[in-house]
Amino acid sequence: PGRRPVLTRVISPAERGEAYALIREEVAQGRQSFVICPLVADSEALEVKAATTEHARISADVFPDLRVGLIHGRLRSTEKEHVMNSMRAGEIDVLVATTVVEVGVDIPNTTVMLVEDADRFGLSQLHQLRGRIGRSEHQATCLLLTSLDDVDPEQRQTARERLAAMEATSDGFALAEKDLVLRGEGQLFGRGAVGDEESGAPAQAGHSDLRFASPLVRYVDTLAAARTEAFALVDGDPHLAAPDHAALREEVVRRFGDRLDWLRAG
């Protein structure tokens, strides 16, 4: 109740200063912000390094007078919990993060999200990230920073379409349909699949956990609703530890085995 739609803008590196100015304005009003670091395909270690480097740069050069925190998937669960508790308590002004904050984060006081190299993210992932802000009566803004200069020409148009869709709507159903159309079928897990989703390129034939996805584009409303329910379930029980979820957890482990970094990152 009382929530306003999140304003979403695609910005260029030349507008980075304006993004930082907005963050500073919001902090001055007692609110908080996220800075999401770019994905690095095929290497969680490089993602962590990028986040750590960005945190150091922002802390020293951009917001030396603000309280800047850091969270990423390789922190211990207790460390991640400590960071998020500090954020909820208002002890962090700007949180530099990887996509570990994509689900399970509810901090209504955050009103700005700056996503670096937004073209590297899949459309559904951008939508989930954006959902971390705009949870109060205060106006929230999601800034998708990209240059596309280094993007393969064949993928550049797809990236533009993804970002334009994010600017145009916050309708999860519409975005899910666009995501399926742009990506085709794709793997649910695996670094290779994440890379495919981030680039917007269709998955390689014969390497899909979800080979049924392409024929089901016509059932996108059902798929989108199922995805929303799945994220809600993980928000409430990220490790599927509740007794009611025991059978589901067993089935997930049976199907996907050691490809469960998402559980440890929850």
Protein backbone atom coordinates (compact mmCIF):
# COMPACT_ATOMS: atom_id res chain seq x y z
CA PRO A 1 0.00 0.00 0.00
CA GLY A 2 1.22 3.49 -0.87
CA ARG A 3 3.98 2.19 -3.13
CA ARG A 4 4.85 4.15 -6.26
CA PRO A 5 6.03 2.55 -9.51
CA VAL A 6 9.81 2.45 -9.75
CA LEU A 7 11.20 4.92 -12.28
CA THR A 8 13.63 3.11 -14.58
CA ARG A 9 16.18 4.83 -16.80
CA VAL A 10 18.92 3.53 -19.06
CA ILE A 11 21.94 5.81 -18.66
CA SER A 12 25.38 6.09 -20.24
CA PRO A 13 28.76 6.24 -18.46
CA ALA A 14 28.70 10.01 -19.07
CA GLU A 15 25.72 10.20 -16.70
CA ARG A 16 27.42 8.31 -13.88
CA GLY A 17 27.99 11.55 -11.97
CA GLU A 18 24.25 12.29 -12.07
CA ALA A 19 23.56 8.82 -10.69
CA TYR A 20 25.95 9.39 -7.80
CA ALA A 21 24.36 12.79 -7.16
CA LEU A 22 20.92 11.16 -6.90
CA ILE A 23 22.26 8.58 -4.45
CA ARG A 24 23.76 11.36 -2.34
CA GLU A 25 20.48 13.32 -2.39
CA GLU A 26 18.55 10.27 -1.20
CA VAL A 27 21.06 9.54 1.57
CA ALA A 28 20.76 13.17 2.71
CA GLN A 29 17.03 12.48 3.16
CA GLY A 30 17.77 9.45 5.31
CA ARG A 31 17.35 6.81 2.64
CA GLN A 32 19.66 4.10 1.23
CA SER A 33 20.87 2.77 -2.11
CA PHE A 34 22.21 -0.31 -3.88
CA VAL A 35 25.05 -0.39 -6.41
CA ILE A 36 24.92 -3.70 -8.30
CA CYS A 37 28.23 -4.84 -9.76
CA PRO A 38 28.42 -6.31 -13.25
CA LEU A 39 28.27 -10.03 -13.85
CA VAL A 40 31.41 -11.73 -15.08
CA ALA A 41 30.51 -14.79 -17.14
CA ASP A 42 31.96 -18.13 -16.04
CA SER A 43 33.73 -16.82 -12.93
CA GLU A 44 32.20 -16.17 -9.54
CA ALA A 45 35.71 -15.37 -8.30
CA LEU A 46 36.01 -12.53 -10.82
CA GLU A 47 32.56 -11.26 -9.83
CA VAL A 48 33.67 -11.11 -6.20
CA LYS A 49 36.89 -9.36 -7.19
CA ALA A 50 34.93 -6.82 -9.25
CA ALA A 51 32.59 -6.12 -6.34
CA THR A 52 35.48 -5.77 -3.90
CA THR A 53 37.30 -3.40 -6.25
CA GLU A 54 34.16 -1.32 -6.83
CA HIS A 55 33.52 -1.11 -3.09
CA ALA A 56 37.04 0.18 -2.51
CA ARG A 57 36.72 2.74 -5.32
CA ILE A 58 33.33 4.04 -4.24
CA SER A 59 34.36 4.20 -0.60
CA ALA A 60 37.53 6.16 -1.32
CA ASP A 61 36.71 8.26 -4.38
CA VAL A 62 32.94 8.71 -4.64
CA PHE A 63 31.37 8.59 -1.18
CA PRO A 64 34.25 8.90 1.32
CA ASP A 65 31.88 10.59 3.77
CA LEU A 66 29.17 7.92 3.55
CA ARG A 67 28.89 4.45 5.04
CA VAL A 68 29.47 2.03 2.17
CA GLY A 69 28.91 -1.69 2.68
CA LEU A 70 29.73 -4.77 0.60
CA ILE A 71 27.98 -8.10 0.10
CA HIS A 72 28.70 -10.97 -2.30
CA GLY A 73 28.08 -14.68 -2.61
CA ARG A 74 31.37 -15.84 -1.16
CA LEU A 75 30.82 -14.29 2.23
CA ARG A 76 29.90 -16.73 4.96
CA SER A 77 26.21 -16.89 5.77
CA THR A 78 26.85 -15.21 9.11
CA GLU A 79 28.76 -12.40 7.37
CA LYS A 80 25.98 -11.86 4.85
CA GLU A 81 23.42 -11.83 7.63
CA HIS A 82 25.48 -9.24 9.53
CA VAL A 83 25.69 -6.97 6.48
CA MET A 84 21.96 -7.21 5.78
CA ASN A 85 21.08 -6.59 9.43
CA SER A 86 23.29 -3.48 9.34
CA MET A 87 21.49 -2.36 6.18
CA ARG A 88 18.08 -2.89 7.76
CA ALA A 89 19.20 -0.97 10.84
CA GLY A 90 20.17 2.01 8.68
CA GLU A 91 23.87 1.64 9.48
CA ILE A 92 24.83 1.44 5.77
CA ASP A 93 24.06 4.25 3.31
CA VAL A 94 25.17 2.56 0.08
CA LEU A 95 25.46 -1.21 -0.36
CA VAL A 96 27.73 -2.49 -3.13
CA ALA A 97 26.45 -5.94 -4.08
CA THR A 98 26.49 -8.76 -6.56
CA THR A 99 23.26 -10.52 -7.52
CA VAL A 100 23.20 -12.18 -4.10
CA VAL A 101 20.56 -9.53 -3.29
CA GLU A 102 18.31 -10.64 -6.16
CA VAL A 103 15.96 -12.50 -3.81
CA GLY A 104 15.25 -12.59 -0.11
CA VAL A 105 15.99 -8.90 0.53
CA ASP A 106 13.31 -6.54 1.84
CA ILE A 107 14.62 -3.13 2.89
CA PRO A 108 11.86 -0.57 2.26
CA ASN A 109 14.22 2.35 2.95
CA THR A 110 16.24 1.75 -0.23
CA THR A 111 15.17 4.10 -3.00
CA VAL A 112 17.95 3.98 -5.61
CA MET A 113 19.52 1.06 -7.45
CA LEU A 114 22.42 1.65 -9.85
CA VAL A 115 23.14 -1.42 -11.99
CA GLU A 116 26.60 -1.32 -13.58
CA ASP A 117 26.96 -2.81 -17.08
CA ALA A 118 23.26 -3.61 -17.11
CA ASP A 119 23.53 -5.18 -20.58
CA ARG A 120 25.29 -8.17 -18.99
CA PHE A 121 22.18 -9.15 -17.06
CA GLY A 122 19.20 -11.14 -18.26
CA LEU A 123 15.84 -9.41 -18.40
CA SER A 124 14.24 -11.54 -15.71
CA GLN A 125 17.23 -10.94 -13.46
CA LEU A 126 17.03 -7.18 -13.94
CA HIS A 127 13.35 -7.34 -13.06
CA GLN A 128 14.08 -9.27 -9.86
CA LEU A 129 16.85 -6.85 -8.89
CA ARG A 130 14.59 -3.86 -9.47
CA GLY A 131 12.05 -5.49 -7.18
CA ARG A 132 14.41 -4.90 -4.25
CA ILE A 133 13.53 -1.19 -4.29
CA GLY A 134 10.23 0.68 -4.43
CA ARG A 135 8.94 -1.04 -1.29
CA SER A 136 7.77 2.09 0.51
CA GLU A 137 5.81 5.27 -0.16
CA HIS A 138 9.00 7.04 -1.30
CA GLN A 139 9.75 7.35 -5.01
CA ALA A 140 12.39 4.81 -6.10
CA THR A 141 14.65 4.95 -9.15
CA CYS A 142 16.47 2.14 -10.95
CA LEU A 143 19.37 3.29 -13.14
CA LEU A 144 20.65 0.82 -15.75
CA LEU A 145 24.13 1.96 -16.74
CA THR A 146 25.49 0.65 -20.02
CA SER A 147 27.59 1.74 -22.96
CA LEU A 148 27.18 -1.30 -25.26
CA ASP A 149 30.47 -0.28 -26.89
CA ASP A 150 32.11 -3.61 -26.12
CA VAL A 151 29.06 -5.75 -26.85
CA ASP A 152 29.17 -8.11 -29.81
CA PRO A 153 27.23 -6.44 -32.67
CA GLU A 154 24.99 -9.50 -33.01
CA GLN A 155 23.97 -9.19 -29.36
CA ARG A 156 23.80 -5.39 -29.18
CA GLN A 157 20.25 -5.13 -30.53
CA THR A 158 19.03 -7.82 -28.15
CA ALA A 159 20.61 -5.96 -25.24
CA ARG A 160 18.93 -2.75 -26.34
CA GLU A 161 15.57 -4.51 -26.49
CA ARG A 162 16.01 -5.89 -22.98
CA LEU A 163 16.88 -2.51 -21.52
CA ALA A 164 14.10 -0.76 -23.44
CA ALA A 165 11.62 -3.29 -22.05
CA MET A 166 12.81 -2.52 -18.52
CA GLU A 167 12.22 1.19 -19.14
CA ALA A 168 8.82 0.59 -20.68
CA THR A 169 7.14 -1.62 -18.09
CA SER A 170 7.29 -3.12 -14.62
CA ASP A 171 4.71 -5.78 -15.55
CA GLY A 172 6.29 -9.11 -14.66
CA PHE A 173 4.12 -11.02 -17.14
CA ALA A 174 5.08 -8.75 -20.03
CA LEU A 175 8.75 -8.94 -19.12
CA ALA A 176 8.65 -12.73 -18.74
CA GLU A 177 7.15 -13.03 -22.21
CA LYS A 178 9.80 -10.71 -23.67
CA ASP A 179 12.51 -12.67 -21.87
CA LEU A 180 11.33 -15.97 -23.34
CA VAL A 181 11.10 -14.50 -26.82
CA LEU A 182 14.61 -13.02 -26.62
CA ARG A 183 16.33 -15.98 -24.98
CA GLY A 184 14.42 -18.97 -26.24
CA GLU A 185 14.90 -22.04 -24.07
CA GLY A 186 17.70 -21.93 -21.54
CA GLN A 187 19.38 -23.80 -18.75
CA LEU A 188 18.14 -23.27 -15.23
CA PHE A 189 21.55 -23.74 -13.61
CA GLY A 190 25.19 -23.67 -14.63
CA ARG A 191 27.62 -20.84 -15.31
CA GLY A 192 27.27 -21.40 -19.02
CA ALA A 193 23.54 -20.90 -18.77
CA VAL A 194 23.98 -17.73 -16.77
CA GLY A 195 26.26 -16.40 -19.46
CA ASP A 196 23.65 -17.18 -22.11
CA GLU A 197 20.94 -15.45 -20.12
CA GLU A 198 23.11 -12.41 -19.48
CA SER A 199 23.95 -11.95 -23.13
CA GLY A 200 20.42 -12.61 -24.30
CA ALA A 201 21.69 -15.31 -26.64
CA PRO A 202 19.65 -18.50 -26.97
CA ALA A 203 21.03 -21.54 -25.20
CA GLN A 204 22.94 -24.15 -27.16
CA ALA A 205 20.76 -26.97 -28.43
CA GLY A 206 21.06 -30.11 -26.35
CA HIS A 207 22.28 -28.26 -23.26
CA SER A 208 18.99 -27.24 -21.70
CA ASP A 209 17.37 -28.14 -18.40
CA LEU A 210 14.21 -26.46 -19.73
CA ARG A 211 13.78 -27.78 -23.27
CA PHE A 212 10.03 -27.32 -22.89
CA ALA A 213 10.31 -23.53 -22.51
CA SER A 214 10.21 -22.54 -26.17
CA PRO A 215 6.92 -24.31 -26.99
CA LEU A 216 5.39 -22.80 -23.87
CA VAL A 217 5.80 -19.17 -24.87
CA ARG A 218 2.05 -19.17 -25.48
CA TYR A 219 1.58 -20.08 -21.80
CA VAL A 220 3.77 -17.24 -20.58
CA ASP A 221 1.20 -16.03 -18.02
CA THR A 222 1.28 -19.41 -16.30
CA LEU A 223 5.07 -19.52 -16.39
CA ALA A 224 5.33 -15.99 -15.01
CA ALA A 225 2.88 -16.78 -12.21
CA ALA A 226 4.82 -19.94 -11.35
CA ARG A 227 8.07 -17.99 -11.30
CA THR A 228 6.56 -15.37 -8.98
CA GLU A 229 5.39 -18.11 -6.61
CA ALA A 230 8.82 -19.76 -6.72
CA PHE A 231 10.59 -16.52 -5.80
CA ALA A 232 8.09 -15.90 -3.00
CA LEU A 233 8.79 -19.37 -1.63
CA VAL A 234 12.56 -18.82 -1.74
CA ASP A 235 12.15 -15.36 -0.18
CA GLY A 236 10.47 -16.98 2.80
CA ASP A 237 12.60 -20.13 3.02
CA PRO A 238 15.80 -19.74 0.96
CA HIS A 239 17.25 -23.07 2.09
CA LEU A 240 13.96 -25.02 1.87
CA ALA A 241 14.46 -25.93 5.50
CA ALA A 242 10.80 -25.85 6.54
CA PRO A 243 9.24 -29.28 7.16
CA ASP A 244 6.59 -28.55 4.52
CA HIS A 245 9.36 -28.09 1.95
CA ALA A 246 11.32 -31.28 2.73
CA ALA A 247 10.00 -33.18 -0.29
CA LEU A 248 10.71 -30.23 -2.57
CA ARG A 249 14.25 -29.94 -1.25
CA GLU A 250 14.87 -33.66 -1.84
CA GLU A 251 13.63 -33.36 -5.41
CA VAL A 252 15.79 -30.29 -6.09
CA VAL A 253 18.88 -32.10 -4.77
CA ARG A 254 18.02 -35.21 -6.79
CA ARG A 255 17.60 -33.27 -10.02
CA PHE A 256 20.38 -30.74 -9.75
CA GLY A 257 22.92 -32.27 -7.38
CA ASP A 258 26.06 -30.19 -6.97
CA ARG A 259 24.73 -27.26 -9.04
CA LEU A 260 23.21 -25.63 -6.00
CA ASP A 261 25.36 -22.55 -5.39
CA TRP A 262 22.08 -20.60 -5.42
CA LEU A 263 21.09 -22.26 -2.12
CA ARG A 264 24.37 -21.35 -0.46
CA ALA A 265 24.09 -17.80 -1.81
CA GLY A 266 20.56 -17.34 -0.46
